[in-house]
Amino acid sequence: MTLKDAREILGLGVTATRQEITAAFRRAARRWHPDRAPQGSEAEYRARMQEINLAYAQVRRFLENYQYRLEEPEDQKDYDSWWYERFATGVWSKPPPNSSEKKK
């Protein structure tokens, strides 16, 4: 089972918090638990619950093996100056000094 399959089974998007993952698992488990199956559908519910358990285990394995970067970026850029360096030309730049300001 791929991580994408696991996300689809649990009804998760590409990004999710741990709380959202747990909530999605519990929601799916409540819906498909074999104890809640209508008469004659126990086998279908049991198979579906096994898929849900495998999907949840797959996502949990991914989270356990994910490595987080535990440092802040060295240079915190000012986005106004970053934008100005790249795009402040022509129409977007400051107006040119007028002739009287050049003489001073």
Protein backbone atom coordinates (compact mmCIF):
# COMPACT_ATOMS: atom_id res chain seq x y z
CA MET A 1 0.00 0.00 0.00
CA THR A 2 1.38 3.38 -0.96
CA LEU A 3 1.11 6.50 1.14
CA LYS A 4 -1.28 7.96 -1.45
CA ASP A 5 -3.56 4.93 -1.12
CA ALA A 6 -3.46 5.25 2.66
CA ARG A 7 -4.43 8.93 2.46
CA GLU A 8 -7.36 8.13 0.16
CA ILE A 9 -8.64 5.34 2.43
CA LEU A 10 -8.50 7.62 5.47
CA GLY A 11 -9.87 10.60 3.56
CA LEU A 12 -6.82 12.81 4.16
CA GLY A 13 -5.38 15.55 2.01
CA VAL A 14 -1.71 16.03 1.18
CA THR A 15 -1.13 17.88 4.44
CA ALA A 16 -2.51 16.87 7.82
CA THR A 17 -1.65 17.25 11.46
CA ARG A 18 -1.30 14.27 13.77
CA GLN A 19 -4.64 15.16 15.32
CA GLU A 20 -6.33 15.21 11.90
CA ILE A 21 -4.81 11.81 11.06
CA THR A 22 -6.05 10.30 14.31
CA ALA A 23 -9.48 11.84 13.84
CA ALA A 24 -9.70 10.48 10.27
CA PHE A 25 -8.78 6.99 11.50
CA ARG A 26 -11.35 7.10 14.29
CA ARG A 27 -14.04 8.39 11.93
CA ALA A 28 -13.34 5.57 9.45
CA ALA A 29 -13.19 2.98 12.25
CA ARG A 30 -16.55 4.10 13.63
CA ARG A 31 -18.07 3.85 10.17
CA TRP A 32 -16.62 0.45 9.18
CA HIS A 33 -16.17 -1.44 12.46
CA PRO A 34 -17.45 -5.03 12.11
CA ASP A 35 -19.54 -4.70 15.27
CA ARG A 36 -21.65 -2.08 13.50
CA ALA A 37 -22.15 -4.14 10.35
CA PRO A 38 -25.70 -4.93 9.22
CA GLN A 39 -26.72 -8.57 9.24
CA GLY A 40 -24.86 -10.43 6.48
CA SER A 41 -22.25 -7.72 5.79
CA GLU A 42 -19.75 -8.65 8.50
CA ALA A 43 -17.15 -9.96 6.04
CA GLU A 44 -17.23 -6.76 3.98
CA TYR A 45 -16.89 -4.60 7.08
CA ARG A 46 -14.07 -6.77 8.42
CA ALA A 47 -12.14 -6.44 5.14
CA ARG A 48 -12.71 -2.70 5.05
CA MET A 49 -11.54 -2.34 8.67
CA GLN A 50 -8.37 -4.26 7.83
CA GLU A 51 -7.68 -1.78 5.00
CA ILE A 52 -8.24 1.13 7.38
CA ASN A 53 -5.85 -0.37 9.94
CA LEU A 54 -3.19 -0.92 7.25
CA ALA A 55 -3.62 2.63 5.96
CA TYR A 56 -3.30 4.09 9.45
CA ALA A 57 -0.20 1.97 10.11
CA GLN A 58 1.33 3.17 6.82
CA VAL A 59 0.78 6.83 7.68
CA ARG A 60 2.12 6.31 11.22
CA ARG A 61 5.25 4.59 9.84
CA PHE A 62 5.81 7.55 7.55
CA LEU A 63 5.49 9.98 10.47
CA GLU A 64 7.87 7.96 12.64
CA ASN A 65 10.54 7.92 9.93
CA TYR A 66 10.11 11.53 8.81
CA GLN A 67 13.09 13.68 9.70
CA TYR A 68 12.39 17.24 10.70
CA ARG A 69 14.87 20.04 10.23
CA LEU A 70 15.36 21.43 13.73
CA GLU A 71 16.99 24.73 12.95
CA GLU A 72 15.79 28.06 11.74
CA PRO A 73 17.07 29.46 8.46
CA GLU A 74 20.22 31.50 8.93
CA ASP A 75 19.14 34.55 6.97
CA GLN A 76 15.71 35.91 7.62
CA LYS A 77 15.13 38.14 4.60
CA ASP A 78 12.97 41.17 4.58
CA TYR A 79 10.46 40.40 1.84
CA ASP A 80 10.00 44.06 0.94
CA SER A 81 13.70 44.45 0.18
CA TRP A 82 13.74 41.08 -1.62
CA TRP A 83 10.89 42.24 -3.87
CA TYR A 84 12.51 45.64 -4.41
CA GLU A 85 15.84 44.06 -5.44
CA ARG A 86 14.16 41.95 -8.11
CA PHE A 87 11.20 43.90 -9.41
CA ALA A 88 11.64 47.58 -8.57
CA THR A 89 12.65 48.73 -12.02
CA GLY A 90 10.94 51.05 -14.43
CA VAL A 91 7.34 51.60 -13.39
CA TRP A 92 7.88 50.01 -9.99
CA SER A 93 10.97 51.97 -8.98
CA LYS A 94 11.16 55.21 -7.11
CA PRO A 95 10.69 58.22 -9.31
CA PRO A 96 13.94 59.65 -10.68
CA PRO A 97 15.17 62.81 -9.00
CA ASN A 98 14.15 65.97 -10.77
CA SER A 99 16.78 68.31 -12.22
CA SER A 100 16.72 70.72 -9.24
CA GLU A 101 17.54 67.90 -6.82
CA LYS A 102 20.53 66.77 -8.95
CA LYS A 103 22.19 70.22 -8.69
CA LYS A 104 22.06 70.32 -4.90
